N, C-alpha and C. Protein backbone atom coordinates (compact mmCIF):
# COMPACT_ATOMS: atom_id res chain seq x y z
N MET A 1 68.36 61.49 -4.64
CA MET A 1 68.92 61.07 -5.93
C MET A 1 67.72 60.63 -6.83
N VAL A 2 68.01 60.90 -8.02
CA VAL A 2 67.28 60.39 -8.74
C VAL A 2 67.51 59.26 -9.58
N MET A 3 66.80 57.98 -9.19
CA MET A 3 67.74 56.77 -10.14
C MET A 3 66.70 56.73 -11.88
N LYS A 4 67.91 56.78 -12.57
CA LYS A 4 67.63 56.70 -13.76
C LYS A 4 67.39 55.58 -14.54
N ILE A 5 66.43 54.97 -14.96
CA ILE A 5 66.81 53.26 -15.38
C ILE A 5 67.33 53.63 -16.97
N PRO A 6 68.64 52.46 -17.10
CA PRO A 6 69.39 52.76 -18.29
C PRO A 6 68.39 52.57 -19.64
N GLN A 7 68.72 52.65 -20.54
CA GLN A 7 67.89 53.09 -22.28
C GLN A 7 68.79 51.86 -22.77
N PHE A 8 68.33 50.72 -23.20
CA PHE A 8 68.88 49.58 -24.39
C PHE A 8 68.56 50.62 -25.58
N PRO A 9 69.79 49.73 -26.48
CA PRO A 9 71.41 49.54 -25.61
C PRO A 9 72.47 50.74 -25.57
N SER A 10 71.93 51.97 -26.10
CA SER A 10 73.04 53.11 -25.59
C SER A 10 73.81 53.15 -24.08
N ASP A 11 72.57 52.88 -23.56
CA ASP A 11 73.27 52.86 -21.96
C ASP A 11 73.89 51.62 -22.02
N TYR A 12 74.41 50.94 -22.47
CA TYR A 12 75.09 49.74 -21.98
C TYR A 12 76.55 49.30 -23.21
N ILE A 13 76.52 50.13 -23.71
CA ILE A 13 77.75 50.23 -24.68
C ILE A 13 78.99 51.31 -24.18
N GLY A 14 80.22 50.79 -24.80
CA GLY A 14 81.33 51.55 -24.42
C GLY A 14 81.70 52.17 -23.15
N SER A 15 81.86 53.61 -22.68
CA SER A 15 81.91 54.07 -21.17
C SER A 15 80.90 54.11 -20.92
N LYS A 16 79.61 54.07 -21.31
CA LYS A 16 78.07 53.67 -20.40
C LYS A 16 78.18 52.44 -19.87
N ALA A 17 78.94 51.53 -20.49
CA ALA A 17 79.27 50.01 -19.76
C ALA A 17 79.84 50.48 -18.54
N GLU A 18 81.08 51.21 -18.57
CA GLU A 18 81.69 51.07 -17.01
C GLU A 18 81.17 52.18 -16.33
N GLU A 19 80.21 53.02 -16.64
CA GLU A 19 79.68 53.99 -15.70
C GLU A 19 78.40 52.89 -15.11
N TYR A 20 77.86 52.40 -15.44
CA TYR A 20 76.62 50.70 -14.84
C TYR A 20 77.44 50.22 -14.38
N ASP A 21 78.43 49.67 -14.20
CA ASP A 21 79.15 48.91 -13.84
C ASP A 21 79.63 49.46 -12.45
N ASN A 22 79.97 50.86 -12.24
CA ASN A 22 80.53 51.57 -11.56
C ASN A 22 79.55 52.13 -10.74
N GLN A 23 78.07 52.04 -10.56
CA GLN A 23 76.91 52.64 -9.93
C GLN A 23 76.78 51.87 -8.80
N LYS A 24 77.05 51.86 -7.68
CA LYS A 24 76.57 51.28 -6.47
C LYS A 24 75.22 50.61 -6.37
N TRP A 25 74.21 52.07 -6.40
CA TRP A 25 72.89 51.85 -6.48
C TRP A 25 72.04 51.04 -7.62
N MET A 26 73.18 50.47 -8.59
CA MET A 26 72.51 50.00 -9.23
C MET A 26 73.13 48.43 -8.69
N GLU A 27 74.24 48.45 -8.47
CA GLU A 27 74.54 46.98 -7.91
C GLU A 27 73.64 46.50 -6.77
N ARG A 28 73.24 47.80 -5.92
CA ARG A 28 72.64 46.92 -4.75
C ARG A 28 71.43 46.48 -4.79
N ASN A 29 70.51 47.47 -6.62
CA ASN A 29 69.07 47.00 -6.61
C ASN A 29 69.27 45.64 -7.26
N GLN A 30 70.36 45.38 -8.45
CA GLN A 30 70.62 43.91 -8.95
C GLN A 30 70.31 42.77 -8.45
N LYS A 31 71.46 42.89 -6.71
CA LYS A 31 71.55 42.03 -5.80
C LYS A 31 70.46 41.71 -5.43
N LYS A 32 69.87 42.91 -4.72
CA LYS A 32 68.74 42.63 -3.97
C LYS A 32 67.27 41.87 -4.90
N THR A 33 66.95 41.88 -6.09
CA THR A 33 66.34 42.11 -7.22
C THR A 33 66.66 40.32 -7.18
N THR A 34 67.87 39.86 -7.37
CA THR A 34 68.45 38.63 -7.61
C THR A 34 67.79 37.82 -6.52
N LEU A 35 68.21 38.76 -5.27
CA LEU A 35 67.97 37.33 -4.27
C LEU A 35 66.62 36.90 -3.97
N ARG A 36 65.72 38.04 -4.11
CA ARG A 36 64.03 38.24 -4.32
C ARG A 36 63.89 36.89 -5.23
N CYS A 37 64.25 37.20 -6.71
CA CYS A 37 64.38 36.06 -7.83
C CYS A 37 64.53 34.39 -6.97
N ILE A 38 65.38 34.32 -6.27
CA ILE A 38 65.99 33.30 -5.99
C ILE A 38 64.48 32.64 -4.49
N GLN A 39 63.88 33.14 -4.23
CA GLN A 39 63.30 33.07 -3.36
C GLN A 39 61.34 32.91 -4.00
N TYR A 40 61.80 33.31 -5.12
CA TYR A 40 60.51 33.26 -5.80
C TYR A 40 60.46 31.93 -6.52
N LEU A 41 62.04 31.64 -6.78
CA LEU A 41 62.29 30.53 -7.39
C LEU A 41 61.53 29.24 -6.83
N PHE A 42 61.27 29.27 -5.18
CA PHE A 42 60.62 27.67 -4.48
C PHE A 42 59.85 28.55 -4.02
N ASP A 43 58.92 29.50 -4.68
CA ASP A 43 57.64 29.93 -4.20
C ASP A 43 56.20 28.49 -4.30
N SER A 44 55.82 28.06 -2.85
CA SER A 44 54.95 27.27 -3.11
C SER A 44 53.53 27.51 -4.34
N LYS A 45 53.62 28.60 -4.40
CA LYS A 45 52.22 28.72 -5.32
C LYS A 45 52.64 28.32 -7.03
N LEU A 46 53.85 27.93 -6.78
CA LEU A 46 53.79 27.86 -8.18
C LEU A 46 53.42 25.74 -8.64
N GLY A 47 52.83 25.47 -7.51
CA GLY A 47 52.44 24.72 -7.48
C GLY A 47 53.50 23.06 -6.59
N GLU A 48 52.88 21.86 -7.16
CA GLU A 48 53.08 20.42 -7.02
C GLU A 48 54.84 20.61 -7.27
N GLY A 49 55.55 19.85 -6.57
CA GLY A 49 56.68 19.81 -6.45
C GLY A 49 58.01 20.96 -5.90
N ASN A 50 57.45 21.78 -5.46
CA ASN A 50 57.64 22.50 -4.08
C ASN A 50 58.74 22.05 -2.77
N ASN A 51 58.18 20.78 -2.60
CA ASN A 51 58.94 20.51 -1.55
C ASN A 51 60.26 19.86 -2.28
N ASN A 52 60.33 19.32 -3.30
CA ASN A 52 61.58 18.14 -3.72
C ASN A 52 62.50 19.35 -4.46
N ILE A 53 62.07 20.48 -4.95
CA ILE A 53 62.65 21.20 -5.72
C ILE A 53 63.96 21.21 -5.30
N ARG A 54 64.62 21.23 -4.21
CA ARG A 54 66.02 21.23 -3.99
C ARG A 54 66.96 19.90 -3.67
N ARG A 55 66.05 18.72 -3.80
CA ARG A 55 67.43 17.79 -4.10
C ARG A 55 68.29 17.36 -4.82
N ASN A 56 68.14 18.10 -5.92
CA ASN A 56 69.19 18.30 -6.60
C ASN A 56 69.69 19.03 -6.81
N PHE A 57 69.85 20.34 -5.65
CA PHE A 57 70.34 21.36 -5.66
C PHE A 57 72.01 20.46 -5.89
N PRO A 58 73.23 21.52 -6.51
CA PRO A 58 73.03 22.88 -6.85
C PRO A 58 72.76 22.88 -8.49
N TYR A 59 71.46 23.29 -8.83
CA TYR A 59 71.01 23.73 -10.26
C TYR A 59 71.86 24.30 -10.96
N LEU A 60 71.23 24.02 -12.39
CA LEU A 60 72.12 24.56 -13.10
C LEU A 60 71.29 25.87 -13.71
N ILE A 61 71.69 27.16 -13.22
CA ILE A 61 70.71 28.24 -13.93
C ILE A 61 71.23 28.78 -15.11
N LEU A 62 69.91 29.51 -15.52
CA LEU A 62 70.31 30.23 -17.03
C LEU A 62 69.98 31.69 -16.91
N ASP A 63 71.26 32.50 -16.46
CA ASP A 63 70.69 34.30 -16.46
C ASP A 63 70.99 34.46 -17.24
N LEU A 64 69.56 35.19 -18.35
CA LEU A 64 69.18 35.55 -19.41
C LEU A 64 69.70 37.41 -19.24
N GLY A 65 70.15 38.02 -19.77
CA GLY A 65 70.63 39.42 -19.73
C GLY A 65 71.16 39.33 -19.21
N CYS A 66 72.69 38.88 -18.21
CA CYS A 66 73.61 38.55 -17.30
C CYS A 66 73.93 40.28 -17.12
N GLY A 67 74.14 40.81 -17.87
CA GLY A 67 74.87 42.53 -17.75
C GLY A 67 76.10 42.14 -17.63
N THR A 68 76.23 43.07 -16.39
CA THR A 68 78.00 42.93 -16.31
C THR A 68 78.16 42.03 -14.83
N GLY A 69 77.26 41.21 -15.10
CA GLY A 69 77.15 40.19 -13.87
C GLY A 69 77.00 39.85 -12.79
N PHE A 70 75.94 41.33 -11.78
CA PHE A 70 75.70 41.17 -10.96
C PHE A 70 75.35 40.30 -10.31
N SER A 71 73.93 39.87 -11.02
CA SER A 71 73.35 39.26 -10.96
C SER A 71 73.63 37.37 -10.80
N SER A 72 74.27 37.58 -11.76
CA SER A 72 75.25 36.14 -11.84
C SER A 72 76.09 36.05 -10.57
N GLU A 73 76.74 37.21 -10.43
CA GLU A 73 77.87 36.86 -8.91
C GLU A 73 77.06 36.31 -7.66
N MET A 74 75.33 36.96 -7.72
CA MET A 74 74.48 36.44 -6.54
C MET A 74 74.28 35.21 -7.07
N LEU A 75 73.60 34.79 -7.81
CA LEU A 75 73.32 33.19 -8.04
C LEU A 75 74.84 32.07 -7.78
N ILE A 76 75.53 32.42 -8.09
CA ILE A 76 76.98 31.50 -7.41
C ILE A 76 77.39 31.90 -6.12
N GLU A 77 77.08 32.84 -5.57
CA GLU A 77 77.10 32.71 -4.35
C GLU A 77 76.03 32.17 -3.22
N SER A 78 75.22 31.82 -4.20
CA SER A 78 73.96 31.32 -3.59
C SER A 78 73.77 30.35 -3.69
N GLY A 79 75.06 29.27 -4.41
CA GLY A 79 75.55 27.96 -4.63
C GLY A 79 74.53 27.22 -5.84
N PHE A 80 74.28 28.29 -7.05
CA PHE A 80 74.00 28.00 -8.19
C PHE A 80 75.23 27.70 -9.23
N ARG A 81 75.25 26.85 -9.85
CA ARG A 81 76.11 27.05 -11.25
C ARG A 81 75.22 27.24 -12.27
N VAL A 82 75.61 28.50 -13.10
CA VAL A 82 75.13 29.93 -13.51
C VAL A 82 75.96 29.24 -14.77
N VAL A 83 74.51 29.85 -16.23
CA VAL A 83 75.44 30.16 -17.57
C VAL A 83 74.55 31.66 -17.97
N GLY A 84 75.56 32.54 -17.59
CA GLY A 84 75.29 34.37 -18.00
C GLY A 84 75.07 34.15 -19.03
N VAL A 85 74.10 34.90 -20.09
CA VAL A 85 74.14 35.00 -21.39
C VAL A 85 73.78 36.77 -21.52
N ASP A 86 73.77 37.08 -22.34
CA ASP A 86 73.99 38.97 -22.83
C ASP A 86 74.41 38.87 -24.58
N ILE A 87 73.98 39.98 -24.96
CA ILE A 87 74.06 40.39 -26.45
C ILE A 87 74.93 40.89 -26.35
N LEU A 88 75.65 42.39 -25.41
CA LEU A 88 76.68 42.69 -26.11
C LEU A 88 77.98 42.68 -24.89
N SER A 89 78.89 42.33 -25.88
CA SER A 89 79.95 42.03 -25.25
C SER A 89 81.10 43.24 -24.48
N ASP A 90 80.78 44.44 -24.39
CA ASP A 90 80.99 45.36 -23.28
C ASP A 90 80.56 45.06 -22.21
N MET A 91 79.64 44.43 -21.56
CA MET A 91 78.98 44.16 -20.44
C MET A 91 79.28 42.93 -19.73
N LEU A 92 79.72 41.92 -21.45
CA LEU A 92 80.26 40.62 -20.69
C LEU A 92 81.79 41.02 -20.28
N ILE A 93 82.37 41.96 -20.80
CA ILE A 93 84.13 41.66 -20.18
C ILE A 93 83.75 42.47 -18.96
N LYS A 94 82.59 43.07 -18.51
CA LYS A 94 82.78 43.16 -16.83
C LYS A 94 82.30 42.01 -15.97
N ALA A 95 81.92 41.58 -16.77
CA ALA A 95 81.16 40.11 -16.10
C ALA A 95 82.25 39.31 -15.97
N ASN A 96 83.50 38.95 -16.87
CA ASN A 96 83.93 38.16 -17.23
C ASN A 96 84.83 38.51 -16.21
N ILE A 97 85.21 39.88 -15.82
CA ILE A 97 86.22 40.19 -14.65
C ILE A 97 85.26 40.08 -13.39
N LYS A 98 84.28 39.71 -13.01
CA LYS A 98 83.84 39.40 -11.59
C LYS A 98 84.06 38.00 -11.80
N LYS A 99 83.84 37.19 -12.87
CA LYS A 99 84.23 35.31 -12.67
C LYS A 99 85.57 35.33 -12.27
N LYS A 100 86.55 35.81 -12.73
CA LYS A 100 87.91 35.76 -12.96
C LYS A 100 87.62 36.11 -11.16
N ASN A 101 87.20 36.68 -10.43
CA ASN A 101 87.43 37.25 -9.22
C ASN A 101 86.73 36.11 -7.73
N LEU A 102 85.57 35.05 -8.56
CA LEU A 102 85.22 34.12 -8.35
C LEU A 102 85.74 33.34 -7.39
N LYS A 103 85.11 32.42 -6.09
CA LYS A 103 86.18 31.81 -5.48
C LYS A 103 86.08 30.62 -6.33
N ASN A 104 84.73 29.86 -7.09
CA ASN A 104 84.79 28.64 -7.99
C ASN A 104 84.89 28.89 -9.23
N SER A 105 84.38 28.39 -10.43
CA SER A 105 84.46 28.48 -11.23
C SER A 105 83.20 27.91 -12.21
N ASN A 106 81.93 28.11 -11.18
CA ASN A 106 80.50 27.12 -11.89
C ASN A 106 79.64 28.58 -12.33
N LEU A 107 80.63 29.54 -13.05
CA LEU A 107 79.83 30.74 -13.71
C LEU A 107 80.48 30.42 -15.47
N GLU A 108 79.58 30.19 -16.64
CA GLU A 108 79.94 30.29 -17.63
C GLU A 108 79.66 31.17 -18.31
N LEU A 109 79.97 32.39 -19.35
CA LEU A 109 79.34 33.24 -19.88
C LEU A 109 79.13 32.86 -21.33
N LEU A 110 78.18 33.24 -21.90
CA LEU A 110 78.35 33.33 -23.72
C LEU A 110 77.53 34.99 -23.85
N LEU A 111 77.81 35.05 -25.19
CA LEU A 111 77.28 36.00 -26.33
C LEU A 111 76.65 36.07 -26.69
N ALA A 112 75.38 35.95 -27.27
CA ALA A 112 74.13 35.70 -27.55
C ALA A 112 73.08 36.00 -27.57
N ASP A 113 72.26 36.29 -28.38
CA ASP A 113 70.58 36.96 -28.10
C ASP A 113 69.95 36.13 -27.77
N ILE A 114 69.00 36.57 -26.85
CA ILE A 114 68.28 35.87 -25.92
C ILE A 114 67.32 35.05 -27.37
N ASN A 115 66.77 35.38 -28.08
CA ASN A 115 66.66 34.92 -28.83
C ASN A 115 66.62 33.71 -29.58
N TYR A 116 67.90 33.88 -29.67
CA TYR A 116 69.09 32.59 -30.38
C TYR A 116 69.53 31.69 -29.45
N LEU A 117 69.00 31.82 -28.21
CA LEU A 117 70.50 30.87 -27.58
C LEU A 117 70.88 29.88 -28.28
N PRO A 118 72.24 29.36 -27.78
CA PRO A 118 73.27 27.86 -28.25
C PRO A 118 73.06 27.23 -27.28
N ILE A 119 71.71 26.76 -26.56
CA ILE A 119 71.16 25.63 -25.25
C ILE A 119 71.00 24.70 -26.17
N LYS A 120 71.25 23.47 -25.38
CA LYS A 120 70.64 22.64 -26.12
C LYS A 120 69.39 21.81 -25.12
N TYR A 121 68.42 21.40 -25.57
CA TYR A 121 66.80 20.97 -25.26
C TYR A 121 67.16 20.11 -23.80
N ASN A 122 66.19 20.65 -22.96
CA ASN A 122 66.19 19.67 -21.64
C ASN A 122 67.72 20.13 -20.87
N SER A 123 68.56 21.12 -20.74
CA SER A 123 69.80 21.34 -20.29
C SER A 123 69.47 21.97 -18.97
N ILE A 124 68.52 22.66 -19.06
CA ILE A 124 68.30 23.63 -18.63
C ILE A 124 67.69 23.78 -16.95
N ASP A 125 68.25 23.65 -15.73
CA ASP A 125 66.75 23.18 -14.47
C ASP A 125 65.93 24.73 -14.44
N HIS A 126 66.64 25.99 -13.84
CA HIS A 126 65.64 27.04 -14.21
C HIS A 126 66.08 27.99 -14.71
N ILE A 127 65.45 29.40 -15.08
CA ILE A 127 65.94 30.60 -15.91
C ILE A 127 65.65 31.51 -14.70
N ILE A 128 66.74 32.43 -15.02
CA ILE A 128 66.13 33.84 -14.20
C ILE A 128 66.78 35.30 -15.01
N SER A 129 65.92 36.14 -14.95
CA SER A 129 66.11 37.31 -15.88
C SER A 129 65.93 38.41 -15.33
N ILE A 130 66.64 39.47 -14.79
CA ILE A 130 66.50 40.48 -14.09
C ILE A 130 67.23 41.75 -14.76
N SER A 131 65.84 42.48 -14.90
CA SER A 131 65.64 43.99 -15.55
C SER A 131 65.90 43.74 -17.42
N SER A 132 65.50 42.45 -17.99
CA SER A 132 66.35 42.55 -19.37
C SER A 132 65.41 41.87 -20.22
N TYR A 133 64.79 41.04 -19.71
CA TYR A 133 63.61 40.62 -20.42
C TYR A 133 62.87 40.83 -21.74
N ASN A 134 62.33 42.58 -21.45
CA ASN A 134 61.86 43.27 -22.31
C ASN A 134 62.66 43.93 -23.54
N PHE A 135 63.48 43.83 -23.20
CA PHE A 135 64.84 43.98 -24.39
C PHE A 135 64.45 43.24 -26.08
N ILE A 136 63.85 41.73 -26.07
CA ILE A 136 63.96 40.96 -26.81
C ILE A 136 62.82 41.36 -27.93
N THR A 137 61.90 42.54 -27.38
CA THR A 137 61.66 43.30 -28.72
C THR A 137 61.88 44.44 -28.73
N TYR A 138 63.10 44.92 -28.89
CA TYR A 138 63.97 46.31 -29.36
C TYR A 138 63.66 46.47 -30.52
N GLU A 139 62.70 47.47 -30.96
CA GLU A 139 62.73 47.75 -32.42
C GLU A 139 61.68 46.71 -32.67
N LYS A 140 60.67 46.48 -32.35
CA LYS A 140 60.15 45.40 -32.92
C LYS A 140 58.79 46.06 -32.85
N TYR A 141 57.82 45.73 -33.67
CA TYR A 141 56.42 46.86 -33.15
C TYR A 141 54.97 45.32 -34.13
N GLY A 142 53.71 45.20 -33.29
CA GLY A 142 52.51 45.01 -34.12
C GLY A 142 53.30 42.99 -34.29
N ARG A 143 52.88 42.56 -35.51
CA ARG A 143 52.90 41.16 -35.04
C ARG A 143 54.03 40.54 -35.06
N GLU A 144 55.26 41.24 -35.72
CA GLU A 144 56.63 40.83 -35.49
C GLU A 144 57.03 41.21 -33.62
N LYS A 145 56.36 41.45 -32.92
CA LYS A 145 57.03 41.60 -31.63
C LYS A 145 56.55 40.63 -31.22
N LYS A 146 54.99 40.34 -31.23
CA LYS A 146 54.17 39.07 -31.10
C LYS A 146 54.57 37.66 -31.14
N LYS A 147 54.85 37.59 -32.37
CA LYS A 147 55.73 36.72 -33.13
C LYS A 147 57.32 36.32 -31.79
N VAL A 148 58.21 37.23 -31.62
CA VAL A 148 58.90 37.08 -31.09
C VAL A 148 59.26 36.48 -29.44
N VAL A 149 57.88 37.55 -28.73
CA VAL A 149 57.59 36.77 -27.62
C VAL A 149 57.71 35.26 -27.33
N ASN A 150 56.61 35.17 -28.83
CA ASN A 150 56.00 33.58 -28.27
C ASN A 150 57.62 32.57 -28.79
N ASN A 151 58.18 33.07 -29.92
CA ASN A 151 59.12 32.33 -30.61
C ASN A 151 60.10 31.74 -29.14
N THR A 152 60.39 33.03 -28.64
CA THR A 152 61.37 32.88 -27.49
C THR A 152 61.00 31.96 -26.26
N ALA A 153 59.55 32.58 -25.69
CA ALA A 153 58.95 31.36 -24.54
C ALA A 153 58.34 29.87 -25.10
N LYS A 154 58.52 29.83 -26.93
CA LYS A 154 58.55 28.22 -26.84
C LYS A 154 60.11 27.88 -26.85
N TYR A 155 60.34 28.60 -27.18
CA TYR A 155 62.63 27.69 -26.73
C TYR A 155 63.02 27.30 -25.60
N LEU A 156 62.64 28.87 -24.83
CA LEU A 156 63.02 28.16 -23.39
C LEU A 156 62.37 27.15 -22.59
N ASN A 157 61.15 26.69 -23.36
CA ASN A 157 60.17 26.06 -22.46
C ASN A 157 60.82 24.60 -22.87
N LYS A 158 61.48 24.70 -24.44
CA LYS A 158 62.48 23.25 -24.78
C LYS A 158 63.49 23.28 -23.95
N ILE A 159 64.89 24.27 -23.80
CA ILE A 159 65.76 24.08 -23.26
C ILE A 159 65.59 23.87 -22.11
N LEU A 160 64.50 23.94 -20.87
CA LEU A 160 63.92 23.88 -19.56
C LEU A 160 64.40 22.07 -19.53
N LYS A 161 64.62 21.57 -17.95
CA LYS A 161 64.20 19.99 -17.49
C LYS A 161 62.24 20.26 -17.14
N LYS A 162 62.28 18.94 -16.89
CA LYS A 162 60.83 18.92 -16.96
C LYS A 162 61.00 19.64 -15.28
N ASN A 163 59.81 20.25 -15.10
CA ASN A 163 58.97 21.21 -13.87
C ASN A 163 60.47 22.33 -13.86
N GLY A 164 61.11 22.66 -15.00
CA GLY A 164 61.81 23.78 -14.84
C GLY A 164 61.04 25.17 -14.52
N ARG A 165 61.21 25.99 -13.91
CA ARG A 165 60.89 27.37 -13.73
C ARG A 165 61.45 28.86 -14.03
N ILE A 166 61.12 29.80 -14.53
CA ILE A 166 61.17 30.97 -14.78
C ILE A 166 61.04 32.05 -14.01
N ILE A 167 61.89 33.04 -13.53
CA ILE A 167 61.54 34.02 -12.91
C ILE A 167 62.05 35.05 -13.52
N ILE A 168 61.50 36.20 -13.86
CA ILE A 168 61.31 37.25 -14.48
C ILE A 168 60.53 38.64 -13.94
N GLU A 169 61.88 39.11 -13.94
CA GLU A 169 62.00 40.49 -13.60
C GLU A 169 62.36 41.44 -14.21
N PHE A 170 61.47 42.00 -14.82
CA PHE A 170 61.15 43.03 -15.84
C PHE A 170 60.52 44.57 -15.66
N TYR A 171 60.06 45.39 -16.89
CA TYR A 171 59.34 46.13 -16.40
C TYR A 171 58.65 47.04 -18.51
N PRO A 172 57.58 46.39 -18.19
CA PRO A 172 56.53 46.50 -19.10
C PRO A 172 56.15 47.74 -19.18
N GLU A 173 55.99 48.25 -20.79
CA GLU A 173 55.77 49.90 -20.74
C GLU A 173 54.39 49.69 -20.08
N ASN A 174 53.58 48.80 -20.83
CA ASN A 174 52.21 49.68 -20.01
C ASN A 174 51.09 47.84 -19.84
N ASP A 175 50.17 47.71 -19.58
CA ASP A 175 49.34 46.74 -19.01
C ASP A 175 49.46 46.17 -20.50
N GLU A 176 48.90 46.24 -21.67
CA GLU A 176 48.84 45.36 -22.91
C GLU A 176 50.57 45.04 -23.45
N GLU A 177 51.56 45.03 -22.81
CA GLU A 177 52.47 44.68 -22.97
C GLU A 177 52.40 43.58 -21.91
N LEU A 178 52.66 43.73 -21.02
CA LEU A 178 52.42 42.50 -19.90
C LEU A 178 51.58 41.61 -20.27
N GLU A 179 50.63 42.11 -20.99
CA GLU A 179 50.04 40.89 -21.41
C GLU A 179 50.13 40.10 -22.52
N LEU A 180 50.65 40.98 -23.08
CA LEU A 180 51.46 40.23 -23.96
C LEU A 180 52.97 39.10 -24.24
N PHE A 181 53.51 39.32 -22.79
CA PHE A 181 54.53 38.70 -22.44
C PHE A 181 54.20 37.69 -21.93
N THR A 182 52.98 37.61 -20.81
CA THR A 182 52.16 36.77 -19.98
C THR A 182 51.38 36.14 -20.71
N ASP A 183 50.70 36.12 -21.90
CA ASP A 183 49.75 35.55 -22.89
C ASP A 183 50.59 34.31 -23.80
N SER A 184 52.05 34.59 -24.13
CA SER A 184 53.43 33.97 -24.79
C SER A 184 53.78 32.83 -23.77
N PHE A 185 53.48 33.53 -22.42
CA PHE A 185 54.09 31.70 -21.63
C PHE A 185 53.15 31.05 -21.60
N THR A 186 51.69 31.65 -21.01
CA THR A 186 50.78 30.82 -20.67
C THR A 186 50.11 29.54 -22.32
N SER A 187 50.54 30.65 -23.22
CA SER A 187 50.25 29.96 -24.65
C SER A 187 51.04 28.87 -25.40
N ASN A 188 52.70 28.68 -24.66
CA ASN A 188 53.66 27.70 -24.81
C ASN A 188 54.14 27.11 -23.65
N GLY A 189 53.21 26.64 -22.63
CA GLY A 189 53.65 25.13 -21.74
C GLY A 189 54.23 25.73 -20.40
N PHE A 190 53.29 26.89 -20.02
CA PHE A 190 53.56 27.13 -18.42
C PHE A 190 52.51 27.52 -17.84
N ASP A 191 52.94 27.71 -16.78
CA ASP A 191 51.52 27.79 -15.74
C ASP A 191 52.75 28.78 -14.83
N GLY A 192 51.27 29.91 -14.39
CA GLY A 192 52.17 30.98 -13.34
C GLY A 192 51.38 31.79 -12.91
N TYR A 193 52.29 32.59 -12.28
CA TYR A 193 51.65 34.12 -11.60
C TYR A 193 52.17 35.44 -11.91
N ARG A 194 51.69 36.79 -12.14
CA ARG A 194 52.68 37.46 -11.46
C ARG A 194 52.57 38.35 -10.57
N ILE A 195 53.91 39.23 -10.17
CA ILE A 195 53.69 39.77 -8.95
C ILE A 195 53.75 41.67 -9.79
N LYS A 196 52.99 42.48 -9.36
CA LYS A 196 53.33 43.46 -9.80
C LYS A 196 54.31 44.53 -8.31
N ASN A 197 55.52 44.81 -8.17
CA ASN A 197 55.79 46.38 -7.68
C ASN A 197 54.95 47.03 -6.62
N ASN A 198 54.22 47.63 -7.48
CA ASN A 198 53.21 48.30 -6.99
C ASN A 198 51.81 48.20 -7.59
N PRO A 199 51.09 47.63 -7.32
CA PRO A 199 49.69 46.83 -8.09
C PRO A 199 48.91 47.72 -9.12
N LYS A 200 49.15 49.35 -8.42
CA LYS A 200 48.64 50.61 -9.10
C LYS A 200 48.86 50.95 -10.31
N GLN A 201 50.00 50.82 -10.47
CA GLN A 201 50.83 50.92 -11.41
C GLN A 201 50.61 50.25 -12.25
N LYS A 202 50.30 51.03 -14.22
CA LYS A 202 49.94 50.10 -15.52
C LYS A 202 51.52 49.76 -16.05
N SER A 203 52.33 50.04 -15.39
CA SER A 203 53.94 50.27 -16.08
C SER A 203 54.66 49.91 -14.28
N GLY A 204 55.75 49.96 -14.75
CA GLY A 204 57.04 49.39 -13.57
C GLY A 204 57.09 48.30 -13.23
N GLN A 205 57.90 48.02 -12.04
CA GLN A 205 58.53 46.52 -11.80
C GLN A 205 58.06 45.68 -12.33
N THR A 206 57.89 44.53 -12.47
CA THR A 206 57.08 43.11 -12.19
C THR A 206 57.66 42.28 -12.70
N TYR A 207 57.06 41.01 -11.62
CA TYR A 207 57.71 39.79 -11.68
C TYR A 207 56.99 38.73 -11.72
N LEU A 208 57.34 37.89 -13.07
CA LEU A 208 56.65 36.66 -13.76
C LEU A 208 57.31 35.45 -13.01
N LEU A 209 56.32 34.73 -12.40
CA LEU A 209 56.42 33.20 -11.63
C LEU A 209 55.80 32.10 -12.41
N LEU A 210 57.39 31.20 -13.31
CA LEU A 210 56.58 30.59 -14.19
C LEU A 210 57.13 29.05 -13.94
N LYS A 211 56.07 28.36 -14.17
CA LYS A 211 56.69 26.62 -14.28
C LYS A 211 56.23 26.15 -15.46
N LYS A 212 57.40 25.07 -16.04
CA LYS A 212 57.18 24.79 -17.22
C LYS A 212 56.18 23.59 -16.91
N LYS A 213 54.92 23.24 -17.76
CA LYS A 213 54.01 21.84 -17.32
C LYS A 213 54.72 20.64 -17.67
């Protein structure tokens, strides 16, 4: 079976949102990736503080681009409090159904643009984003694209608490785009590193592991 990566936003609207939510392979991939991101959240390579990062558990996690809620569901099951954000109402409708089926109420859902989040400064412990972060530059090019990624990284720094971490799993189109996203964080108060699922590929699945300075 050939797995098709959905295209934004056409494959996330209306009947496509329903189809996306019902794809078992997509659910498996999203949940598996979320668990991997949780592991990276506590990665010792992110520096000092790793031994203490669990002390204030459960953390408040911002799930950027939560979609139909597969990632938020796994975060809740792992013991976190979660704020799930997505720009598409059709996706959040599906996520809200999952919320109603959860055993606890530690999930809040927000309809918002990642570039303009209604989140207070210094209020989020950590951020996770699964397969959605590169969409912040949808239909943006050149200087505008660079401005967007920099402004978003700068804002994410502000809403994170001290020593807050960000784990991003996304699909940059090429090395140039990967460098653009990486530089946006290192230029705006973050340290960290990246992991490519296949180091030989110029594009494809990539993880950014970041810590607020």
